[in-house]
């Protein structure tokens, strides 16, 4: 299973992408195939968009979320980015190559030429959604506790 996270953040005045990258860069790996793509919004260079693609089994997904929660708590971005963050999560259900010139024939959803089992996808996305909600609530609670201790 491959999931994708799209996270949009806005830099605080006077902060740069390089400031963001130094604070955001993960110091602990996820132990699963994880690729992060970072983009700067062409219409608003203060908006940073990170797209993370993670390949893991549903049963192992929560471990990656725990690593990410700990990473953000240990390396906060509060001095670099505005408090409002847009987070979107999804499960990849198809990869399509539209590179060839000319007509392209329709094909059913598939990844690496293996047809996607949509029934399994719908079953898995509810599990993943619950895990993300749990990890988000844990992150928010730990962040709140840390702020109260300061």
C-alpha atoms as a PDB file:
ATOM      1  CA  UNK A   1       0.000   0.000   0.000  1.00  0.00           C
ATOM      2  CA  UNK A   2       1.208   3.500  -0.778  1.00  0.00           C
ATOM      3  CA  UNK A   3      -0.082   6.532   1.075  1.00  0.00           C
ATOM      4  CA  UNK A   4       0.486  10.174   0.288  1.00  0.00           C
ATOM      5  CA  UNK A   5       0.518  13.142   2.637  1.00  0.00           C
ATOM      6  CA  UNK A   6       0.306  16.662   1.262  1.00  0.00           C
ATOM      7  CA  UNK A   7       1.176  19.306   3.816  1.00  0.00           C
ATOM      8  CA  UNK A   8       1.053  23.035   3.086  1.00  0.00           C
ATOM      9  CA  UNK A   9       2.787  25.502   5.354  1.00  0.00           C
ATOM     10  CA  UNK A  10       3.310  29.267   5.144  1.00  0.00           C
ATOM     11  CA  UNK A  11       6.652  30.798   6.076  1.00  0.00           C
ATOM     12  CA  UNK A  12       6.667  33.524   8.704  1.00  0.00           C
ATOM     13  CA  UNK A  13       7.858  36.960   7.520  1.00  0.00           C
ATOM     14  CA  UNK A  14      11.624  37.040   7.032  1.00  0.00           C
ATOM     15  CA  UNK A  15      11.951  33.236   6.934  1.00  0.00           C
ATOM     16  CA  UNK A  16      13.212  31.359   3.881  1.00  0.00           C
ATOM     17  CA  UNK A  17      12.867  27.895   2.415  1.00  0.00           C
ATOM     18  CA  UNK A  18      16.402  27.177   3.657  1.00  0.00           C
ATOM     19  CA  UNK A  19      15.316  28.069   7.223  1.00  0.00           C
ATOM     20  CA  UNK A  20      12.364  25.726   6.836  1.00  0.00           C
ATOM     21  CA  UNK A  21      14.472  22.893   5.418  1.00  0.00           C
ATOM     22  CA  UNK A  22      17.033  23.036   8.234  1.00  0.00           C
ATOM     23  CA  UNK A  23      14.280  22.828  10.867  1.00  0.00           C
ATOM     24  CA  UNK A  24      12.041  20.349   8.990  1.00  0.00           C
ATOM     25  CA  UNK A  25      14.659  17.844   7.787  1.00  0.00           C
ATOM     26  CA  UNK A  26      14.067  14.500   9.462  1.00  0.00           C
ATOM     27  CA  UNK A  27      16.787  13.174  11.739  1.00  0.00           C
ATOM     28  CA  UNK A  28      15.207   9.704  12.026  1.00  0.00           C
ATOM     29  CA  UNK A  29      14.153   7.515   9.114  1.00  0.00           C
ATOM     30  CA  UNK A  30      10.844   5.717   8.865  1.00  0.00           C
ATOM     31  CA  UNK A  31      12.175   2.221   8.175  1.00  0.00           C
ATOM     32  CA  UNK A  32       9.894   1.954   5.130  1.00  0.00           C
ATOM     33  CA  UNK A  33      10.150   3.242   1.568  1.00  0.00           C
ATOM     34  CA  UNK A  34       9.507   6.967   2.058  1.00  0.00           C
ATOM     35  CA  UNK A  35      10.005   9.709  -0.524  1.00  0.00           C
ATOM     36  CA  UNK A  36       9.380  13.362   0.195  1.00  0.00           C
ATOM     37  CA  UNK A  37       8.974  15.969  -2.524  1.00  0.00           C
ATOM     38  CA  UNK A  38       9.059  19.611  -1.505  1.00  0.00           C
ATOM     39  CA  UNK A  39       7.701  22.399  -3.683  1.00  0.00           C
ATOM     40  CA  UNK A  40       7.482  26.160  -3.419  1.00  0.00           C
ATOM     41  CA  UNK A  41       4.160  27.587  -4.587  1.00  0.00           C
ATOM     42  CA  UNK A  42       4.829  29.483  -7.830  1.00  0.00           C
ATOM     43  CA  UNK A  43       2.094  32.010  -6.982  1.00  0.00           C
ATOM     44  CA  UNK A  44       3.192  32.449  -3.360  1.00  0.00           C
ATOM     45  CA  UNK A  45       6.876  31.695  -2.658  1.00  0.00           C
ATOM     46  CA  UNK A  46       6.169  31.780   1.099  1.00  0.00           C
ATOM     47  CA  UNK A  47       4.023  28.641   0.804  1.00  0.00           C
ATOM     48  CA  UNK A  48       5.903  25.352   1.136  1.00  0.00           C
ATOM     49  CA  UNK A  49       4.204  22.173  -0.038  1.00  0.00           C
ATOM     50  CA  UNK A  50       5.584  18.794   1.033  1.00  0.00           C
ATOM     51  CA  UNK A  51       4.287  15.625  -0.582  1.00  0.00           C
ATOM     52  CA  UNK A  52       5.309  12.424   1.180  1.00  0.00           C
ATOM     53  CA  UNK A  53       4.863   8.992  -0.350  1.00  0.00           C
ATOM     54  CA  UNK A  54       5.150   6.016   1.998  1.00  0.00           C
ATOM     55  CA  UNK A  55       4.984   2.354   1.050  1.00  0.00           C
ATOM     56  CA  UNK A  56       4.078   0.126   3.999  1.00  0.00           C
ATOM     57  CA  UNK A  57       1.668  -2.489   5.178  1.00  0.00           C
ATOM     58  CA  UNK A  58      -1.443  -1.204   6.942  1.00  0.00           C
ATOM     59  CA  UNK A  59      -0.275  -2.939  10.134  1.00  0.00           C
ATOM     60  CA  UNK A  60       3.024  -0.991  10.082  1.00  0.00           C
ATOM     61  CA  UNK A  61       1.540   2.405   9.228  1.00  0.00           C
ATOM     62  CA  UNK A  62       1.088   3.567  12.835  1.00  0.00           C
ATOM     63  CA  UNK A  63       4.810   3.117  13.553  1.00  0.00           C
ATOM     64  CA  UNK A  64       5.644   5.641  10.837  1.00  0.00           C
ATOM     65  CA  UNK A  65       3.111   8.082  12.243  1.00  0.00           C
ATOM     66  CA  UNK A  66       4.681   7.788  15.700  1.00  0.00           C
ATOM     67  CA  UNK A  67       8.115   8.542  14.239  1.00  0.00           C
ATOM     68  CA  UNK A  68       6.714  11.626  12.497  1.00  0.00           C
ATOM     69  CA  UNK A  69       4.964  12.850  15.668  1.00  0.00           C
ATOM     70  CA  UNK A  70       8.192  12.497  17.660  1.00  0.00           C
ATOM     71  CA  UNK A  71      10.216  14.182  14.901  1.00  0.00           C
ATOM     72  CA  UNK A  72       7.954  17.245  14.876  1.00  0.00           C
ATOM     73  CA  UNK A  73       7.896  17.473  18.664  1.00  0.00           C
ATOM     74  CA  UNK A  74      11.704  17.229  18.857  1.00  0.00           C
ATOM     75  CA  UNK A  75      12.212  19.591  15.898  1.00  0.00           C
ATOM     76  CA  UNK A  76       9.340  22.086  16.046  1.00  0.00           C
ATOM     77  CA  UNK A  77       8.740  24.489  13.186  1.00  0.00           C
ATOM     78  CA  UNK A  78       6.914  27.124  15.243  1.00  0.00           C
ATOM     79  CA  UNK A  79       9.597  29.781  14.720  1.00  0.00           C
ATOM     80  CA  UNK A  80       9.648  29.198  10.947  1.00  0.00           C
ATOM     81  CA  UNK A  81       6.033  28.692   9.851  1.00  0.00           C
ATOM     82  CA  UNK A  82       2.636  30.207  10.545  1.00  0.00           C
ATOM     83  CA  UNK A  83       0.370  28.163  12.859  1.00  0.00           C
ATOM     84  CA  UNK A  84      -2.208  27.287  10.180  1.00  0.00           C
ATOM     85  CA  UNK A  85      -1.194  24.095   8.376  1.00  0.00           C
ATOM     86  CA  UNK A  86      -3.194  22.290   5.702  1.00  0.00           C
ATOM     87  CA  UNK A  87      -2.824  18.509   5.844  1.00  0.00           C
ATOM     88  CA  UNK A  88      -4.319  16.087   3.345  1.00  0.00           C
ATOM     89  CA  UNK A  89      -3.851  12.331   3.326  1.00  0.00           C
ATOM     90  CA  UNK A  90      -4.698   9.731   0.726  1.00  0.00           C
ATOM     91  CA  UNK A  91      -4.034   6.228  -0.449  1.00  0.00           C
ATOM     92  CA  UNK A  92      -2.562   5.853  -3.914  1.00  0.00           C
ATOM     93  CA  UNK A  93      -4.920   3.737  -6.020  1.00  0.00           C
ATOM     94  CA  UNK A  94      -3.454   4.134  -9.492  1.00  0.00           C
ATOM     95  CA  UNK A  95      -0.386   5.259 -11.378  1.00  0.00           C
ATOM     96  CA  UNK A  96      -0.913   6.393 -14.928  1.00  0.00           C
ATOM     97  CA  UNK A  97       1.694   7.264 -17.529  1.00  0.00           C
ATOM     98  CA  UNK A  98       0.454   9.955 -19.891  1.00  0.00           C
ATOM     99  CA  UNK A  99       3.909  10.563 -21.386  1.00  0.00           C
ATOM    100  CA  UNK A 100       3.392   9.097 -24.861  1.00  0.00           C
ATOM    101  CA  UNK A 101       2.305  11.455 -27.634  1.00  0.00           C
ATOM    102  CA  UNK A 102      -1.056  10.753 -29.251  1.00  0.00           C
ATOM    103  CA  UNK A 103      -4.025   8.667 -28.215  1.00  0.00           C
ATOM    104  CA  UNK A 104      -3.891   6.609 -25.040  1.00  0.00           C
ATOM    105  CA  UNK A 105      -6.229   3.706 -24.378  1.00  0.00           C
ATOM    106  CA  UNK A 106      -8.177   3.640 -21.091  1.00  0.00           C
ATOM    107  CA  UNK A 107      -7.057   1.140 -18.487  1.00  0.00           C
ATOM    108  CA  UNK A 108      -8.433   0.236 -15.073  1.00  0.00           C
ATOM    109  CA  UNK A 109      -6.724   1.521 -11.938  1.00  0.00           C
ATOM    110  CA  UNK A 110      -3.443  -0.258 -11.307  1.00  0.00           C
ATOM    111  CA  UNK A 111      -0.055   0.170  -9.692  1.00  0.00           C
ATOM    112  CA  UNK A 112       2.984  -1.395 -11.370  1.00  0.00           C
ATOM    113  CA  UNK A 113       0.545  -3.112 -13.771  1.00  0.00           C
ATOM    114  CA  UNK A 114      -1.286  -4.866 -10.919  1.00  0.00           C
ATOM    115  CA  UNK A 115      -4.999  -4.028 -10.914  1.00  0.00           C
ATOM    116  CA  UNK A 116      -6.105  -2.177  -7.788  1.00  0.00           C
ATOM    117  CA  UNK A 117      -8.499  -4.051  -5.520  1.00  0.00           C
ATOM    118  CA  UNK A 118     -10.852  -1.175  -4.745  1.00  0.00           C
ATOM    119  CA  UNK A 119     -12.772  -3.175  -2.126  1.00  0.00           C
ATOM    120  CA  UNK A 120      -9.508  -3.615  -0.209  1.00  0.00           C
ATOM    121  CA  UNK A 121      -8.718   0.086  -0.666  1.00  0.00           C
ATOM    122  CA  UNK A 122     -12.023   1.142   0.885  1.00  0.00           C
ATOM    123  CA  UNK A 123     -11.420  -1.248   3.766  1.00  0.00           C
ATOM    124  CA  UNK A 124      -7.876   0.025   4.332  1.00  0.00           C
ATOM    125  CA  UNK A 125      -8.599   3.762   4.079  1.00  0.00           C
ATOM    126  CA  UNK A 126     -10.922   3.660   7.086  1.00  0.00           C
ATOM    127  CA  UNK A 127      -8.165   1.985   9.131  1.00  0.00           C
ATOM    128  CA  UNK A 128      -5.571   4.497   7.947  1.00  0.00           C
ATOM    129  CA  UNK A 129      -7.899   7.436   8.693  1.00  0.00           C
ATOM    130  CA  UNK A 130      -8.333   6.242  12.291  1.00  0.00           C
ATOM    131  CA  UNK A 131      -4.561   5.889  12.705  1.00  0.00           C
ATOM    132  CA  UNK A 132      -3.953   9.420  11.378  1.00  0.00           C
ATOM    133  CA  UNK A 133      -6.639  10.845  13.680  1.00  0.00           C
ATOM    134  CA  UNK A 134      -5.081   9.044  16.656  1.00  0.00           C
ATOM    135  CA  UNK A 135      -1.545  10.233  15.822  1.00  0.00           C
ATOM    136  CA  UNK A 136      -2.756  13.811  15.230  1.00  0.00           C
ATOM    137  CA  UNK A 137      -4.569  13.910  18.568  1.00  0.00           C
ATOM    138  CA  UNK A 138      -1.475  12.503  20.302  1.00  0.00           C
ATOM    139  CA  UNK A 139       0.775  15.098  18.626  1.00  0.00           C
ATOM    140  CA  UNK A 140      -1.550  17.946  19.590  1.00  0.00           C
ATOM    141  CA  UNK A 141      -1.816  16.748  23.200  1.00  0.00           C
ATOM    142  CA  UNK A 142       1.951  16.313  23.583  1.00  0.00           C
ATOM    143  CA  UNK A 143       2.585  19.726  22.005  1.00  0.00           C
ATOM    144  CA  UNK A 144       0.067  21.313  24.377  1.00  0.00           C
ATOM    145  CA  UNK A 145       1.734  19.646  27.394  1.00  0.00           C
ATOM    146  CA  UNK A 146       5.178  20.773  26.239  1.00  0.00           C
ATOM    147  CA  UNK A 147       3.961  24.358  25.886  1.00  0.00           C
ATOM    148  CA  UNK A 148       2.425  24.280  29.382  1.00  0.00           C
ATOM    149  CA  UNK A 149       5.759  23.120  30.836  1.00  0.00           C
ATOM    150  CA  UNK A 150       7.591  26.117  29.360  1.00  0.00           C
END
